Amino acid sequence: MMKKNKFIIITVILFINTIIKVETQGTAHRFDKIVVFGDNNVDNGNEWKQSNQTYPPSSIYKYQGRFSNGLTWVEYLSQFLEAQIEDYAFGGATSDSNFVPGFSGKYNNMSVIGIKQQVQEYLINVSRNGTDFNKTLFVVEYLGNDYINDPTTNPIHVTGNLYQQWVSLSNLGVKHILINNIFEFSLLPDKTKANKNVTQLIDRKITLLHNAALVLRMTEFNIRSLGNSGKTKLYLLDLHNLWMRVRDGDVSKRLRLTNFNENCVERININEYKVCNDPDSFLYWDYFNPTTKMHSHIAFSAFNVIKAQKRIIF
């Protein structure tokens, strides 16, 4: 069984390296609006409002419901692009809450809508006449809550759920969609990696399997899009590479990050938290979510993808 898994992984790596190239177009596109779907890494206060401003706790997560100590990367990106932001993301969201339920809140018992449901909400409320899709960037962000909640989840199904949201948006007339792959679960804080679910995901090499499945879905989407005169561009934010490179001496020195293995905020009990003295030196704010400094670095990378008009071609 181990030999079979190793063969599959090696085949997947060779496949990815063979089929992906990056096309760079000469002129940067101008966006004046960003519409966001996703989870805790891009939630700018939706869950906080749903929980009557109780979670994440304002005494610790002081920035009005962000799962960080400041702005999220999509908010920084909106500043870089000088664009308005419309955010549907919820902390704890999965790819589809009917597939793997998403939960959050103080006791982790508050149901939250998944990315599929967020897109459905947008499709119900959107006014085609009021949105210029040529100047609107759609972000479909995902960082793995399906796997955290159920370690046996198949990446083929998760990426299939995400793919369906790209298709739904494309069918609406959306022109630009920014997506991301996921970083290695083995790069989470040490205390997070002690969680049995996370340990199982690391052993399953779930990051590699998810990212490989994502490439297949992107191939499928681009073939479909070409059949529609290439009307929807799909842009990839490579968080996997970003998380690997941030530990590089030059990058970490430039960002002044020195602590990659601990989380700044530690939950002592249901009501008590301990916060580090120097969050700007930490990659992680809590057990899963990055500090706002790391968010700004993610935004800079996303901005470069958009500015250079990098599109994944197969």
C-alpha atoms as a PDB file:
ATOM      1  CA  MET A   1       0.000   0.000   0.000  1.00  0.00           C
ATOM      2  CA  MET A   2       2.835   2.372   0.870  1.00  0.00           C
ATOM      3  CA  LYS A   3       4.546   1.695  -2.471  1.00  0.00           C
ATOM      4  CA  LYS A   4       1.274   2.360  -4.287  1.00  0.00           C
ATOM      5  CA  ASN A   5       0.798   5.695  -2.513  1.00  0.00           C
ATOM      6  CA  LYS A   6       4.370   6.744  -3.285  1.00  0.00           C
ATOM      7  CA  PHE A   7       3.845   5.863  -6.946  1.00  0.00           C
ATOM      8  CA  ILE A   8       0.645   7.953  -7.071  1.00  0.00           C
ATOM      9  CA  ILE A   9       2.363  10.925  -5.430  1.00  0.00           C
ATOM     10  CA  ILE A  10       5.368  10.801  -7.781  1.00  0.00           C
ATOM     11  CA  THR A  11       3.044  10.508 -10.784  1.00  0.00           C
ATOM     12  CA  VAL A  12       1.031  13.495  -9.572  1.00  0.00           C
ATOM     13  CA  ILE A  13       4.156  15.641  -9.143  1.00  0.00           C
ATOM     14  CA  LEU A  14       5.369  14.780 -12.645  1.00  0.00           C
ATOM     15  CA  PHE A  15       1.907  15.519 -14.010  1.00  0.00           C
ATOM     16  CA  ILE A  16       1.765  18.938 -12.369  1.00  0.00           C
ATOM     17  CA  ASN A  17       5.248  19.885 -13.543  1.00  0.00           C
ATOM     18  CA  THR A  18       4.411  18.786 -17.068  1.00  0.00           C
ATOM     19  CA  ILE A  19       1.082  20.518 -17.651  1.00  0.00           C
ATOM     20  CA  ILE A  20       1.370  23.861 -15.891  1.00  0.00           C
ATOM     21  CA  LYS A  21       2.880  26.942 -17.358  1.00  0.00           C
ATOM     22  CA  VAL A  22       2.192  30.580 -16.590  1.00  0.00           C
ATOM     23  CA  GLU A  23       1.034  32.959 -19.258  1.00  0.00           C
ATOM     24  CA  THR A  24       1.876  36.589 -18.554  1.00  0.00           C
ATOM     25  CA  GLN A  25      -0.071  39.231 -20.403  1.00  0.00           C
ATOM     26  CA  GLY A  26       1.440  42.621 -20.958  1.00  0.00           C
ATOM     27  CA  THR A  27      -1.176  44.947 -19.519  1.00  0.00           C
ATOM     28  CA  ALA A  28      -2.436  44.822 -15.946  1.00  0.00           C
ATOM     29  CA  HIS A  29      -6.208  44.688 -15.574  1.00  0.00           C
ATOM     30  CA  ARG A  30      -8.022  47.381 -13.656  1.00  0.00           C
ATOM     31  CA  PHE A  31     -10.420  46.240 -10.926  1.00  0.00           C
ATOM     32  CA  ASP A  32     -12.676  48.532  -8.943  1.00  0.00           C
ATOM     33  CA  LYS A  33     -14.450  45.828  -6.919  1.00  0.00           C
ATOM     34  CA  ILE A  34     -13.550  42.541  -5.204  1.00  0.00           C
ATOM     35  CA  VAL A  35     -16.189  39.943  -4.284  1.00  0.00           C
ATOM     36  CA  VAL A  36     -14.954  37.397  -1.736  1.00  0.00           C
ATOM     37  CA  PHE A  37     -16.073  33.874  -0.824  1.00  0.00           C
ATOM     38  CA  GLY A  38     -14.127  31.759   1.648  1.00  0.00           C
ATOM     39  CA  ASP A  39     -13.345  30.874   5.240  1.00  0.00           C
ATOM     40  CA  ASN A  40     -11.674  32.348   8.327  1.00  0.00           C
ATOM     41  CA  ASN A  41      -8.685  33.632   6.386  1.00  0.00           C
ATOM     42  CA  VAL A  42     -10.814  36.132   4.464  1.00  0.00           C
ATOM     43  CA  ASP A  43     -13.755  36.692   6.839  1.00  0.00           C
ATOM     44  CA  ASN A  44     -13.848  40.415   7.615  1.00  0.00           C
ATOM     45  CA  GLY A  45     -16.443  40.168  10.380  1.00  0.00           C
ATOM     46  CA  ASN A  46     -19.393  38.132   9.078  1.00  0.00           C
ATOM     47  CA  GLU A  47     -19.156  35.403  11.697  1.00  0.00           C
ATOM     48  CA  TRP A  48     -18.559  37.989  14.408  1.00  0.00           C
ATOM     49  CA  LYS A  49     -21.853  39.648  13.462  1.00  0.00           C
ATOM     50  CA  GLN A  50     -23.700  36.306  13.319  1.00  0.00           C
ATOM     51  CA  SER A  51     -22.475  35.456  16.832  1.00  0.00           C
ATOM     52  CA  ASN A  52     -23.712  38.810  18.181  1.00  0.00           C
ATOM     53  CA  GLN A  53     -20.127  40.046  18.291  1.00  0.00           C
ATOM     54  CA  THR A  54     -19.005  37.287  20.656  1.00  0.00           C
ATOM     55  CA  TYR A  55     -16.695  35.273  18.378  1.00  0.00           C
ATOM     56  CA  PRO A  56     -13.919  35.706  17.695  1.00  0.00           C
ATOM     57  CA  PRO A  57     -13.700  37.436  21.094  1.00  0.00           C
ATOM     58  CA  SER A  58     -13.096  41.170  20.768  1.00  0.00           C
ATOM     59  CA  SER A  59     -10.880  41.237  23.850  1.00  0.00           C
ATOM     60  CA  ILE A  60      -8.281  39.152  21.994  1.00  0.00           C
ATOM     61  CA  TYR A  61      -9.150  39.445  18.296  1.00  0.00           C
ATOM     62  CA  LYS A  62      -9.432  43.188  18.531  1.00  0.00           C
ATOM     63  CA  TYR A  63      -9.938  43.943  14.857  1.00  0.00           C
ATOM     64  CA  GLN A  64     -13.740  43.708  14.588  1.00  0.00           C
ATOM     65  CA  GLY A  65     -14.163  40.026  13.922  1.00  0.00           C
ATOM     66  CA  ARG A  66     -11.086  39.213  11.865  1.00  0.00           C
ATOM     67  CA  PHE A  67      -9.389  35.944  12.738  1.00  0.00           C
ATOM     68  CA  SER A  68      -6.138  37.848  13.076  1.00  0.00           C
ATOM     69  CA  ASN A  69      -4.694  40.930  14.748  1.00  0.00           C
ATOM     70  CA  GLY A  70      -5.525  43.187  11.811  1.00  0.00           C
ATOM     71  CA  LEU A  71      -6.736  43.231   8.236  1.00  0.00           C
ATOM     72  CA  THR A  72      -7.038  40.074   6.148  1.00  0.00           C
ATOM     73  CA  TRP A  73      -5.183  39.646   2.870  1.00  0.00           C
ATOM     74  CA  VAL A  74      -8.228  40.378   0.707  1.00  0.00           C
ATOM     75  CA  GLU A  75      -8.641  43.691   2.527  1.00  0.00           C
ATOM     76  CA  TYR A  76      -5.011  44.578   1.896  1.00  0.00           C
ATOM     77  CA  LEU A  77      -5.487  43.520  -1.720  1.00  0.00           C
ATOM     78  CA  SER A  78      -8.483  45.825  -2.053  1.00  0.00           C
ATOM     79  CA  GLN A  79      -6.291  48.684  -0.837  1.00  0.00           C
ATOM     80  CA  PHE A  80      -3.517  47.799  -3.283  1.00  0.00           C
ATOM     81  CA  LEU A  81      -6.015  47.683  -6.152  1.00  0.00           C
ATOM     82  CA  GLU A  82      -7.957  50.698  -4.844  1.00  0.00           C
ATOM     83  CA  ALA A  83     -11.090  48.574  -5.109  1.00  0.00           C
ATOM     84  CA  GLN A  84     -14.219  48.205  -2.989  1.00  0.00           C
ATOM     85  CA  ILE A  85     -14.740  44.875  -1.246  1.00  0.00           C
ATOM     86  CA  GLU A  86     -17.888  42.771  -0.877  1.00  0.00           C
ATOM     87  CA  ASP A  87     -17.188  39.886   1.501  1.00  0.00           C
ATOM     88  CA  TYR A  88     -19.373  36.789   1.951  1.00  0.00           C
ATOM     89  CA  ALA A  89     -16.777  34.647   3.772  1.00  0.00           C
ATOM     90  CA  PHE A  90     -17.373  32.978   7.140  1.00  0.00           C
ATOM     91  CA  GLY A  91     -14.852  31.663   9.624  1.00  0.00           C
ATOM     92  CA  GLY A  92     -15.018  27.865   9.744  1.00  0.00           C
ATOM     93  CA  ALA A  93     -16.604  27.582   6.295  1.00  0.00           C
ATOM     94  CA  THR A  94     -16.145  24.373   4.322  1.00  0.00           C
ATOM     95  CA  SER A  95     -16.439  23.938   0.561  1.00  0.00           C
ATOM     96  CA  ASP A  96     -20.120  23.014   0.977  1.00  0.00           C
ATOM     97  CA  SER A  97     -21.888  22.892   4.340  1.00  0.00           C
ATOM     98  CA  ASN A  98     -24.162  20.131   3.028  1.00  0.00           C
ATOM     99  CA  PHE A  99     -21.091  18.034   2.188  1.00  0.00           C
ATOM    100  CA  VAL A 100     -19.018  18.645   5.338  1.00  0.00           C
ATOM    101  CA  PRO A 101     -20.736  20.906   7.895  1.00  0.00           C
ATOM    102  CA  GLY A 102     -18.803  23.954   9.037  1.00  0.00           C
ATOM    103  CA  PHE A 103     -18.821  25.086  12.647  1.00  0.00           C
ATOM    104  CA  SER A 104     -17.339  27.902  14.653  1.00  0.00           C
ATOM    105  CA  GLY A 105     -18.100  30.028  17.690  1.00  0.00           C
ATOM    106  CA  LYS A 106     -16.962  29.960  21.278  1.00  0.00           C
ATOM    107  CA  TYR A 107     -18.031  26.330  21.719  1.00  0.00           C
ATOM    108  CA  ASN A 108     -17.504  25.369  18.068  1.00  0.00           C
ATOM    109  CA  ASN A 109     -21.231  24.624  17.798  1.00  0.00           C
ATOM    110  CA  MET A 110     -22.412  27.506  15.624  1.00  0.00           C
ATOM    111  CA  SER A 111     -23.217  26.398  12.082  1.00  0.00           C
ATOM    112  CA  VAL A 112     -21.744  28.531   9.307  1.00  0.00           C
ATOM    113  CA  ILE A 113     -22.532  28.514   5.613  1.00  0.00           C
ATOM    114  CA  GLY A 114     -20.084  26.931   3.206  1.00  0.00           C
ATOM    115  CA  ILE A 115     -18.484  28.453   0.139  1.00  0.00           C
ATOM    116  CA  LYS A 116     -21.159  26.926  -2.089  1.00  0.00           C
ATOM    117  CA  GLN A 117     -23.874  28.553   0.016  1.00  0.00           C
ATOM    118  CA  GLN A 118     -22.026  31.885  -0.040  1.00  0.00           C
ATOM    119  CA  VAL A 119     -21.949  31.812  -3.832  1.00  0.00           C
ATOM    120  CA  GLN A 120     -25.636  30.867  -3.922  1.00  0.00           C
ATOM    121  CA  GLU A 121     -26.435  33.845  -1.701  1.00  0.00           C
ATOM    122  CA  TYR A 122     -24.525  36.112  -4.059  1.00  0.00           C
ATOM    123  CA  LEU A 123     -26.274  34.690  -7.124  1.00  0.00           C
ATOM    124  CA  ILE A 124     -29.661  35.372  -5.541  1.00  0.00           C
ATOM    125  CA  ASN A 125     -28.828  38.950  -4.613  1.00  0.00           C
ATOM    126  CA  VAL A 126     -26.633  40.078  -7.494  1.00  0.00           C
ATOM    127  CA  SER A 127     -27.940  42.632  -9.945  1.00  0.00           C
ATOM    128  CA  ARG A 128     -26.411  41.987 -13.349  1.00  0.00           C
ATOM    129  CA  ASN A 129     -27.071  45.549 -14.388  1.00  0.00           C
ATOM    130  CA  GLY A 130     -25.220  46.886 -11.358  1.00  0.00           C
ATOM    131  CA  THR A 131     -22.016  44.859 -11.682  1.00  0.00           C
ATOM    132  CA  ASP A 132     -19.334  45.393 -14.293  1.00  0.00           C
ATOM    133  CA  PHE A 133     -17.777  41.937 -14.485  1.00  0.00           C
ATOM    134  CA  ASN A 134     -14.887  43.280 -16.540  1.00  0.00           C
ATOM    135  CA  LYS A 135     -13.826  45.364 -13.538  1.00  0.00           C
ATOM    136  CA  THR A 136     -14.739  42.922 -10.763  1.00  0.00           C
ATOM    137  CA  LEU A 137     -12.335  40.372  -9.289  1.00  0.00           C
ATOM    138  CA  PHE A 138     -13.945  37.347  -7.640  1.00  0.00           C
ATOM    139  CA  VAL A 139     -11.974  35.527  -4.947  1.00  0.00           C
ATOM    140  CA  VAL A 140     -12.878  31.915  -4.109  1.00  0.00           C
ATOM    141  CA  GLU A 141     -10.557  31.226  -1.181  1.00  0.00           C
ATOM    142  CA  TYR A 142     -10.237  27.860   0.564  1.00  0.00           C
ATOM    143  CA  LEU A 143      -7.737  26.563   3.112  1.00  0.00           C
ATOM    144  CA  GLY A 144      -8.936  23.116   4.158  1.00  0.00           C
ATOM    145  CA  ASN A 145     -11.716  23.176   6.758  1.00  0.00           C
ATOM    146  CA  ASP A 146     -13.353  20.113   5.166  1.00  0.00           C
ATOM    147  CA  TYR A 147     -10.251  18.111   6.029  1.00  0.00           C
ATOM    148  CA  ILE A 148      -9.912  19.544   9.526  1.00  0.00           C
ATOM    149  CA  ASN A 149     -13.525  18.631  10.316  1.00  0.00           C
ATOM    150  CA  ASP A 150     -13.365  15.217   8.643  1.00  0.00           C
ATOM    151  CA  PRO A 151      -9.849  13.878   7.919  1.00  0.00           C
ATOM    152  CA  THR A 152     -11.271  11.116   5.706  1.00  0.00           C
ATOM    153  CA  THR A 153     -12.630  13.625   3.181  1.00  0.00           C
ATOM    154  CA  ASN A 154     -11.639  12.940  -0.425  1.00  0.00           C
ATOM    155  CA  PRO A 155      -9.866  15.886  -2.141  1.00  0.00           C
ATOM    156  CA  ILE A 156     -11.536  14.946  -5.432  1.00  0.00           C
ATOM    157  CA  HIS A 157     -14.896  15.813  -3.873  1.00  0.00           C
ATOM    158  CA  VAL A 158     -13.646  19.010  -2.204  1.00  0.00           C
ATOM    159  CA  THR A 159     -12.058  20.366  -5.370  1.00  0.00           C
ATOM    160  CA  GLY A 160     -15.169  19.302  -7.259  1.00  0.00           C
ATOM    161  CA  ASN A 161     -17.239  21.489  -4.943  1.00  0.00           C
ATOM    162  CA  LEU A 162     -14.901  24.416  -5.576  1.00  0.00           C
ATOM    163  CA  TYR A 163     -14.975  23.782  -9.324  1.00  0.00           C
ATOM    164  CA  GLN A 164     -18.762  23.987  -9.334  1.00  0.00           C
ATOM    165  CA  GLN A 165     -18.569  27.458  -7.773  1.00  0.00           C
ATOM    166  CA  TRP A 166     -16.179  28.628 -10.496  1.00  0.00           C
ATOM    167  CA  VAL A 167     -18.638  27.303 -13.094  1.00  0.00           C
ATOM    168  CA  SER A 168     -21.617  28.990 -11.410  1.00  0.00           C
ATOM    169  CA  LEU A 169     -19.806  32.319 -11.429  1.00  0.00           C
ATOM    170  CA  SER A 170     -18.635  31.832 -15.007  1.00  0.00           C
ATOM    171  CA  ASN A 171     -22.198  31.060 -16.101  1.00  0.00           C
ATOM    172  CA  LEU A 172     -23.268  34.352 -14.540  1.00  0.00           C
ATOM    173  CA  GLY A 173     -20.779  36.189 -16.722  1.00  0.00           C
ATOM    174  CA  VAL A 174     -17.879  36.616 -14.301  1.00  0.00           C
ATOM    175  CA  LYS A 175     -14.603  37.337 -16.120  1.00  0.00           C
ATOM    176  CA  HIS A 176     -11.916  37.042 -13.422  1.00  0.00           C
ATOM    177  CA  ILE A 177     -11.614  34.493 -10.584  1.00  0.00           C
ATOM    178  CA  LEU A 178      -8.683  34.291  -8.167  1.00  0.00           C
ATOM    179  CA  ILE A 179      -8.270  30.946  -6.403  1.00  0.00           C
ATOM    180  CA  ASN A 180      -5.544  29.403  -4.250  1.00  0.00           C
ATOM    181  CA  ASN A 181      -3.939  26.101  -3.445  1.00  0.00           C
ATOM    182  CA  ILE A 182      -3.285  25.138   0.181  1.00  0.00           C
ATOM    183  CA  PHE A 183      -0.079  25.077   2.197  1.00  0.00           C
ATOM    184  CA  GLU A 184       1.374  22.064   3.960  1.00  0.00           C
ATOM    185  CA  PHE A 185      -0.440  21.076   7.150  1.00  0.00           C
ATOM    186  CA  SER A 186       2.997  20.089   8.439  1.00  0.00           C
ATOM    187  CA  LEU A 187       3.824  23.823   8.530  1.00  0.00           C
ATOM    188  CA  LEU A 188       1.080  24.616  11.041  1.00  0.00           C
ATOM    189  CA  PRO A 189       2.121  25.534  14.615  1.00  0.00           C
ATOM    190  CA  ASP A 190       3.525  22.682  16.692  1.00  0.00           C
ATOM    191  CA  LYS A 191       0.532  22.624  19.058  1.00  0.00           C
ATOM    192  CA  THR A 192      -1.852  22.422  16.110  1.00  0.00           C
ATOM    193  CA  LYS A 193       0.064  19.509  14.625  1.00  0.00           C
ATOM    194  CA  ALA A 194      -0.469  17.638  17.895  1.00  0.00           C
ATOM    195  CA  ASN A 195      -4.193  17.486  17.070  1.00  0.00           C
ATOM    196  CA  LYS A 196      -5.040  13.953  15.941  1.00  0.00           C
ATOM    197  CA  ASN A 197      -7.015  15.156  12.921  1.00  0.00           C
ATOM    198  CA  VAL A 198      -4.112  17.276  11.718  1.00  0.00           C
ATOM    199  CA  THR A 199      -1.663  14.423  12.326  1.00  0.00           C
ATOM    200  CA  GLN A 200      -3.836  12.184  10.177  1.00  0.00           C
ATOM    201  CA  LEU A 201      -3.899  14.783   7.394  1.00  0.00           C
ATOM    202  CA  ILE A 202      -0.122  15.088   7.444  1.00  0.00           C
ATOM    203  CA  ASP A 203       0.216  11.312   7.257  1.00  0.00           C
ATOM    204  CA  ARG A 204      -2.227  11.191   4.335  1.00  0.00           C
ATOM    205  CA  LYS A 205      -0.219  13.887   2.512  1.00  0.00           C
ATOM    206  CA  ILE A 206      -3.542  15.631   2.032  1.00  0.00           C
ATOM    207  CA  THR A 207      -1.967  18.893   0.856  1.00  0.00           C
ATOM    208  CA  LEU A 208      -0.275  17.232  -2.098  1.00  0.00           C
ATOM    209  CA  LEU A 209      -3.418  15.298  -2.974  1.00  0.00           C
ATOM    210  CA  HIS A 210      -5.624  18.390  -2.731  1.00  0.00           C
ATOM    211  CA  ASN A 211      -3.308  20.557  -4.811  1.00  0.00           C
ATOM    212  CA  ALA A 212      -2.982  17.851  -7.456  1.00  0.00           C
ATOM    213  CA  ALA A 213      -6.761  17.463  -7.623  1.00  0.00           C
ATOM    214  CA  LEU A 214      -7.056  21.253  -7.858  1.00  0.00           C
ATOM    215  CA  VAL A 215      -4.791  21.260 -10.916  1.00  0.00           C
ATOM    216  CA  LEU A 216      -7.050  18.694 -12.578  1.00  0.00           C
ATOM    217  CA  ARG A 217     -10.105  20.841 -11.846  1.00  0.00           C
ATOM    218  CA  MET A 218      -8.346  23.907 -13.229  1.00  0.00           C
ATOM    219  CA  THR A 219      -7.527  21.983 -16.400  1.00  0.00           C
ATOM    220  CA  GLU A 220     -11.164  20.969 -16.717  1.00  0.00           C
ATOM    221  CA  PHE A 221     -12.332  24.538 -16.135  1.00  0.00           C
ATOM    222  CA  ASN A 222      -9.919  26.057 -18.642  1.00  0.00           C
ATOM    223  CA  ILE A 223     -10.933  23.557 -21.324  1.00  0.00           C
ATOM    224  CA  ARG A 224     -14.546  24.455 -20.617  1.00  0.00           C
ATOM    225  CA  SER A 225     -13.729  28.162 -20.710  1.00  0.00           C
ATOM    226  CA  LEU A 226     -11.922  27.838 -24.037  1.00  0.00           C
ATOM    227  CA  GLY A 227     -15.117  26.319 -25.411  1.00  0.00           C
ATOM    228  CA  ASN A 228     -16.819  29.545 -24.364  1.00  0.00           C
ATOM    229  CA  SER A 229     -14.208  31.726 -26.102  1.00  0.00           C
ATOM    230  CA  GLY A 230     -12.096  31.855 -22.934  1.00  0.00           C
ATOM    231  CA  LYS A 231     -14.546  34.204 -21.274  1.00  0.00           C
ATOM    232  CA  THR A 232     -13.424  33.507 -17.676  1.00  0.00           C
ATOM    233  CA  LYS A 233      -9.813  33.819 -16.511  1.00  0.00           C
ATOM    234  CA  LEU A 234      -8.670  31.748 -13.561  1.00  0.00           C
ATOM    235  CA  TYR A 235      -5.738  33.085 -11.527  1.00  0.00           C
ATOM    236  CA  LEU A 236      -3.811  30.978  -9.018  1.00  0.00           C
ATOM    237  CA  LEU A 237      -2.400  32.303  -5.761  1.00  0.00           C
ATOM    238  CA  ASP A 238       0.283  29.765  -4.871  1.00  0.00           C
ATOM    239  CA  LEU A 239       0.025  29.643  -1.082  1.00  0.00           C
ATOM    240  CA  HIS A 240       1.883  26.347  -1.005  1.00  0.00           C
ATOM    241  CA  ASN A 241       5.000  27.949  -2.425  1.00  0.00           C
ATOM    242  CA  LEU A 242       4.466  31.127  -0.410  1.00  0.00           C
ATOM    243  CA  TRP A 243       4.427  29.216   2.885  1.00  0.00           C
ATOM    244  CA  MET A 244       7.581  27.364   1.931  1.00  0.00           C
ATOM    245  CA  ARG A 245       9.440  30.486   0.839  1.00  0.00           C
ATOM    246  CA  VAL A 246       8.522  32.634   3.825  1.00  0.00           C
ATOM    247  CA  ARG A 247      10.900  30.525   5.893  1.00  0.00           C
ATOM    248  CA  ASP A 248      13.729  31.395   3.552  1.00  0.00           C
ATOM    249  CA  GLY A 249      16.340  33.556   5.218  1.00  0.00           C
ATOM    250  CA  ASP A 250      15.974  36.523   2.880  1.00  0.00           C
ATOM    251  CA  VAL A 251      12.169  36.550   2.980  1.00  0.00           C
ATOM    252  CA  SER A 252      11.863  36.088   6.735  1.00  0.00           C
ATOM    253  CA  LYS A 253      14.506  38.757   7.293  1.00  0.00           C
ATOM    254  CA  ARG A 254      12.666  41.193   5.058  1.00  0.00           C
ATOM    255  CA  LEU A 255       9.374  40.519   6.857  1.00  0.00           C
ATOM    256  CA  ARG A 256      11.113  40.366  10.246  1.00  0.00           C
ATOM    257  CA  LEU A 257       9.420  37.078  11.043  1.00  0.00           C
ATOM    258  CA  THR A 258      11.303  34.844  13.445  1.00  0.00           C
ATOM    259  CA  ASN A 259       8.683  32.518  14.936  1.00  0.00           C
ATOM    260  CA  PHE A 260       7.171  30.002  12.527  1.00  0.00           C
ATOM    261  CA  ASN A 261       6.341  27.114  14.862  1.00  0.00           C
ATOM    262  CA  GLU A 262       4.321  28.747  17.629  1.00  0.00           C
ATOM    263  CA  ASN A 263       1.010  30.597  17.700  1.00  0.00           C
ATOM    264  CA  CYS A 264       0.838  34.048  19.262  1.00  0.00           C
ATOM    265  CA  VAL A 265      -2.599  33.489  20.834  1.00  0.00           C
ATOM    266  CA  GLU A 266      -3.113  30.461  23.047  1.00  0.00           C
ATOM    267  CA  ARG A 267      -6.473  29.410  24.427  1.00  0.00           C
ATOM    268  CA  ILE A 268      -6.031  28.454  28.078  1.00  0.00           C
ATOM    269  CA  ASN A 269      -9.676  27.475  28.625  1.00  0.00           C
ATOM    270  CA  ILE A 270     -13.094  28.341  27.232  1.00  0.00           C
ATOM    271  CA  ASN A 271     -12.889  31.943  28.457  1.00  0.00           C
ATOM    272  CA  GLU A 272      -9.186  32.637  28.918  1.00  0.00           C
ATOM    273  CA  TYR A 273      -6.544  33.443  26.319  1.00  0.00           C
ATOM    274  CA  LYS A 274      -2.856  34.235  26.458  1.00  0.00           C
ATOM    275  CA  VAL A 275      -1.335  36.615  23.895  1.00  0.00           C
ATOM    276  CA  CYS A 276       2.351  36.915  23.009  1.00  0.00           C
ATOM    277  CA  ASN A 277       4.224  40.193  23.428  1.00  0.00           C
ATOM    278  CA  ASP A 278       5.588  40.478  19.883  1.00  0.00           C
ATOM    279  CA  PRO A 279       2.951  39.359  17.335  1.00  0.00           C
ATOM    280  CA  ASP A 280       4.828  41.043  14.482  1.00  0.00           C
ATOM    281  CA  SER A 281       7.516  38.381  14.751  1.00  0.00           C
ATOM    282  CA  PHE A 282       4.989  35.515  14.442  1.00  0.00           C
ATOM    283  CA  LEU A 283       3.731  33.852  11.291  1.00  0.00           C
ATOM    284  CA  TYR A 284       0.654  32.532  13.103  1.00  0.00           C
ATOM    285  CA  TRP A 285      -1.774  34.568  15.167  1.00  0.00           C
ATOM    286  CA  ASP A 286      -3.647  31.547  16.535  1.00  0.00           C
ATOM    287  CA  TYR A 287      -3.667  27.799  15.947  1.00  0.00           C
ATOM    288  CA  PHE A 288      -4.586  28.096  12.258  1.00  0.00           C
ATOM    289  CA  ASN A 289      -4.692  31.716  11.123  1.00  0.00           C
ATOM    290  CA  PRO A 290      -1.777  33.996  10.184  1.00  0.00           C
ATOM    291  CA  THR A 291      -0.947  37.370  11.682  1.00  0.00           C
ATOM    292  CA  THR A 292      -1.915  40.489   9.792  1.00  0.00           C
ATOM    293  CA  LYS A 293       1.727  40.900   8.790  1.00  0.00           C
ATOM    294  CA  MET A 294       1.573  37.554   6.996  1.00  0.00           C
ATOM    295  CA  HIS A 295      -1.774  38.558   5.515  1.00  0.00           C
ATOM    296  CA  SER A 296      -0.124  41.635   4.019  1.00  0.00           C
ATOM    297  CA  HIS A 297       2.553  39.418   2.461  1.00  0.00           C
ATOM    298  CA  ILE A 298      -0.141  37.165   0.976  1.00  0.00           C
ATOM    299  CA  ALA A 299      -1.878  40.246  -0.426  1.00  0.00           C
ATOM    300  CA  PHE A 300       1.346  41.446  -2.011  1.00  0.00           C
ATOM    301  CA  SER A 301       1.742  38.077  -3.724  1.00  0.00           C
ATOM    302  CA  ALA A 302      -1.883  38.153  -4.886  1.00  0.00           C
ATOM    303  CA  PHE A 303      -1.383  41.686  -6.184  1.00  0.00           C
ATOM    304  CA  ASN A 304       1.614  40.551  -8.215  1.00  0.00           C
ATOM    305  CA  VAL A 305      -0.456  37.734  -9.725  1.00  0.00           C
ATOM    306  CA  ILE A 306      -3.161  40.210 -10.718  1.00  0.00           C
ATOM    307  CA  LYS A 307      -0.781  42.969 -11.783  1.00  0.00           C
ATOM    308  CA  ALA A 308       1.221  40.636 -14.001  1.00  0.00           C
ATOM    309  CA  GLN A 309      -2.008  39.064 -15.292  1.00  0.00           C
ATOM    310  CA  LYS A 310      -0.655  35.600 -14.573  1.00  0.00           C
ATOM    311  CA  ARG A 311      -3.039  32.968 -15.779  1.00  0.00           C
ATOM    312  CA  ILE A 312      -2.529  29.243 -15.441  1.00  0.00           C
ATOM    313  CA  ILE A 313      -2.523  27.599 -18.868  1.00  0.00           C
ATOM    314  CA  PHE A 314      -2.608  23.872 -19.540  1.00  0.00           C
END
